[in-house]
Each structure stands twice: as structure tokens, then as C-alpha cells.
Amino acid sequence: MLKYVVLSPSCLLVFLGLLTEVRGAQKEPQAISNAQLRQALNVLQSIKLTLKGADHDYGGHRVKAIADISKAQNQLNLALKNAPKKKGKGKGKSNPLPEPQALSDAQLLESMVFLKETVQLLGKANHDYGGHRAAAVEDLHRAIRQLDLALKFRKGKV
């Protein structure tokens, strides 16, 4: 019987980040870079589900951030197809029930933290992947900017 251990996205990011730091400036094996990209895909899927569950409008910025995360996921999938080894995957659906605005705000803030950690993780994957890894990082920076704008919109500062 198979048993699964479920770890939070931040715990997994820390673990994979430590693997990279141990190797220092050496070029890491392709398998480790591939694992980092697959883990980033899993984290992005979790963040996207969280943002979809944050059901307040934020002037359209939350939805744009979700779109940017989807683009980053696409880039990472293309990167893994460009790599000599395995591929990533993910799926999800949103919460149809309304939630308190404060909870939605907290979900956006937490997602920003995870997105920033994911950008750092991808920065440590030192293989090129035909430019797709770098493109995914750019998409994530745009998603972070959209979430920042969403929260400012919420506070009436946009």
C-alpha cells in the first residue's frame, strides 16, 4: 500500500532550496533542476487554487495574477518538455461559497509570499530550458505585481 506525506508548499521550497545550496556554484544534475521545476509547478497550482478561492474582485488584478501564474505554469511545462527527462502536471477548482474579505486578502498576501519563494527556487535551477524557465520567472513577477495592485485596489490606493 502506498502512503503519501503531504508537506506545505513552503516546506517543500525550503527543502529543495537547501538541496541547491549544498551544491554551491557547481552546475547541478539535470534531475535536480527538473525536480525544482516540477515542485514549482505544484506550488503554483496550490497558489492558483488559493487565489481562485479568494472570491473578491480586486479590480481584476487577482484574475490577471491567476492568468500570469497559468502562463508561468505553461512555460515550466515547456521547459520540462525541453529537458531530457520527466514532465509536470496539476488540476483544480474554485470555492463557490462567498468568504469574508479579510480571508480573501490573507489568501492574496500568502500567495505573494509563495510566489516570491517560487521565483527564488527557479532562480537556483541553473539549466536554461530553452528560455522557458526565465520566461516563467517573468510571468511570476507580473503575477506578484498584479496581486500587489489587487491589494492596493482593495485599500483604494490604485
Protein backbone atom coordinates (compact mmCIF):
# COMPACT_ATOMS: atom_id res chain seq x y z
CA MET A 1 0.00 0.00 0.00
CA LEU A 2 1.37 3.41 -0.98
CA LYS A 3 1.43 6.16 1.62
CA TYR A 4 1.86 9.84 0.85
CA VAL A 5 3.42 12.53 3.00
CA VAL A 6 1.82 15.93 2.47
CA LEU A 7 4.09 18.92 3.06
CA SER A 8 3.23 22.58 2.76
CA PRO A 9 4.50 24.38 -0.35
CA SER A 10 6.88 26.48 1.76
CA CYS A 11 8.34 23.39 3.43
CA LEU A 12 9.00 21.80 0.06
CA LEU A 13 10.51 25.01 -1.29
CA VAL A 14 12.87 25.19 1.69
CA PHE A 15 13.90 21.55 1.24
CA LEU A 16 14.58 21.93 -2.48
CA GLY A 17 16.35 25.21 -1.86
CA LEU A 18 18.65 23.51 0.65
CA LEU A 19 19.49 20.83 -1.90
CA THR A 20 20.62 23.54 -4.27
CA GLU A 21 22.61 25.49 -1.67
CA VAL A 22 24.57 22.38 -0.71
CA ARG A 23 25.82 22.13 -4.30
CA GLY A 24 27.00 25.76 -4.26
CA ALA A 25 28.08 27.24 -7.59
CA GLN A 26 28.52 23.84 -9.28
CA LYS A 27 26.15 23.05 -12.08
CA GLU A 28 23.65 20.70 -10.53
CA PRO A 29 22.49 17.49 -12.17
CA GLN A 30 19.64 17.87 -14.63
CA ALA A 31 17.42 15.67 -12.45
CA ILE A 32 17.62 18.17 -9.56
CA SER A 33 16.78 21.11 -11.82
CA ASN A 34 13.87 19.12 -13.23
CA ALA A 35 12.67 18.36 -9.69
CA GLN A 36 12.82 22.07 -8.84
CA LEU A 37 10.69 22.93 -11.84
CA ARG A 38 8.17 20.17 -11.05
CA GLN A 39 7.98 21.38 -7.44
CA ALA A 40 7.45 24.94 -8.66
CA LEU A 41 4.56 23.68 -10.78
CA ASN A 42 2.99 22.06 -7.71
CA VAL A 43 3.40 25.22 -5.66
CA LEU A 44 1.97 27.37 -8.45
CA GLN A 45 -1.05 25.10 -8.70
CA SER A 46 -1.66 25.47 -4.95
CA ILE A 47 -1.31 29.23 -5.18
CA LYS A 48 -3.67 29.37 -8.15
CA LEU A 49 -6.30 27.36 -6.25
CA THR A 50 -5.92 29.68 -3.27
CA LEU A 51 -6.34 32.76 -5.45
CA LYS A 52 -9.37 31.28 -7.21
CA GLY A 53 -10.90 30.73 -3.76
CA ALA A 54 -10.33 34.38 -2.83
CA ASP A 55 -13.62 35.41 -4.40
CA HIS A 56 -13.46 39.20 -4.20
CA ASP A 57 -12.84 41.32 -7.32
CA TYR A 58 -9.74 43.47 -6.60
CA GLY A 59 -10.35 45.45 -9.77
CA GLY A 60 -9.48 42.46 -11.96
CA HIS A 61 -5.90 42.21 -10.64
CA ARG A 62 -6.45 38.87 -8.86
CA VAL A 63 -7.76 37.35 -12.11
CA LYS A 64 -4.79 38.80 -14.04
CA ALA A 65 -2.40 37.31 -11.47
CA ILE A 66 -4.07 33.91 -11.94
CA ALA A 67 -3.61 34.28 -15.71
CA ASP A 68 0.08 35.16 -15.23
CA ILE A 69 0.54 32.13 -12.99
CA SER A 70 -1.08 29.96 -15.68
CA LYS A 71 1.37 31.40 -18.21
CA ALA A 72 4.26 30.59 -15.86
CA GLN A 73 2.94 27.05 -15.47
CA ASN A 74 2.82 26.74 -19.26
CA GLN A 75 6.41 27.97 -19.52
CA LEU A 76 7.57 25.48 -16.90
CA ASN A 77 5.77 22.64 -18.67
CA LEU A 78 7.52 23.68 -21.91
CA ALA A 79 10.81 23.83 -20.01
CA LEU A 80 10.36 20.28 -18.78
CA LYS A 81 9.45 19.13 -22.29
CA ASN A 82 12.70 20.77 -23.43
CA ALA A 83 14.64 18.93 -20.69
CA PRO A 84 16.00 15.44 -21.27
CA LYS A 85 13.78 13.91 -18.52
CA LYS A 86 10.27 13.91 -16.86
CA LYS A 87 7.19 16.25 -17.06
CA GLY A 88 4.91 18.10 -14.52
CA LYS A 89 1.11 18.22 -14.05
CA GLY A 90 -1.78 19.78 -11.98
CA LYS A 91 -5.59 20.45 -11.74
CA GLY A 92 -8.13 22.22 -9.50
CA LYS A 93 -11.47 24.06 -9.00
CA SER A 94 -12.68 27.13 -7.06
CA ASN A 95 -14.84 27.54 -3.95
CA PRO A 96 -18.42 28.63 -4.89
CA LEU A 97 -19.26 29.99 -1.37
CA PRO A 98 -18.62 33.65 -0.50
CA GLU A 99 -15.94 34.31 2.10
CA PRO A 100 -15.04 37.26 4.34
CA GLN A 101 -12.97 39.97 2.65
CA ALA A 102 -10.23 39.64 5.29
CA LEU A 103 -9.79 35.95 4.46
CA SER A 104 -9.56 36.74 0.76
CA ASP A 105 -6.97 39.46 1.49
CA ALA A 106 -4.93 37.00 3.58
CA GLN A 107 -5.03 34.46 0.74
CA LEU A 108 -3.59 37.02 -1.67
CA LEU A 109 -0.84 38.01 0.78
CA GLU A 110 0.10 34.38 1.42
CA SER A 111 0.11 33.66 -2.31
CA MET A 112 2.51 36.56 -2.87
CA VAL A 113 4.93 35.05 -0.33
CA PHE A 114 4.79 31.65 -2.04
CA LEU A 115 5.21 33.22 -5.47
CA LYS A 116 8.33 35.08 -4.30
CA GLU A 117 9.73 31.86 -2.83
CA THR A 118 8.99 30.09 -6.10
CA VAL A 119 10.86 32.80 -8.04
CA GLN A 120 13.86 32.24 -5.75
CA LEU A 121 13.65 28.48 -6.23
CA LEU A 122 13.52 28.82 -10.02
CA GLY A 123 16.49 31.18 -9.87
CA LYS A 124 18.52 28.34 -8.35
CA ALA A 125 17.68 25.88 -11.15
CA ASN A 126 20.78 26.56 -13.22
CA HIS A 127 19.81 24.95 -16.51
CA ASP A 128 18.50 27.05 -19.40
CA TYR A 129 15.44 25.03 -20.58
CA GLY A 130 15.36 26.90 -23.86
CA GLY A 131 14.50 30.17 -22.10
CA HIS A 132 11.24 28.82 -20.64
CA ARG A 133 12.41 28.91 -17.01
CA ALA A 134 13.34 32.59 -17.35
CA ALA A 135 10.01 33.33 -19.07
CA ALA A 136 8.16 31.63 -16.20
CA VAL A 137 10.03 33.82 -13.71
CA GLU A 138 8.97 36.91 -15.67
CA ASP A 139 5.35 35.71 -15.61
CA LEU A 140 5.58 35.19 -11.86
CA HIS A 141 6.97 38.70 -11.35
CA ARG A 142 3.93 40.02 -13.24
CA ALA A 143 1.61 37.88 -11.08
CA ILE A 144 3.23 39.28 -7.93
CA ARG A 145 2.77 42.82 -9.28
CA GLN A 146 -0.91 42.09 -10.06
CA LEU A 147 -1.51 40.79 -6.54
CA ASP A 148 0.18 43.87 -5.10
CA LEU A 149 -2.11 46.03 -7.26
CA ALA A 150 -5.11 43.95 -6.19
CA LEU A 151 -4.43 44.64 -2.51
CA LYS A 152 -3.80 48.33 -3.19
CA PHE A 153 -7.06 48.42 -5.15
CA ARG A 154 -8.81 46.90 -2.16
CA LYS A 155 -7.45 49.71 0.02
CA GLY A 156 -8.37 52.34 -2.57
CA LYS A 157 -4.76 53.23 -3.44
CA VAL A 158 -4.86 52.42 -7.17
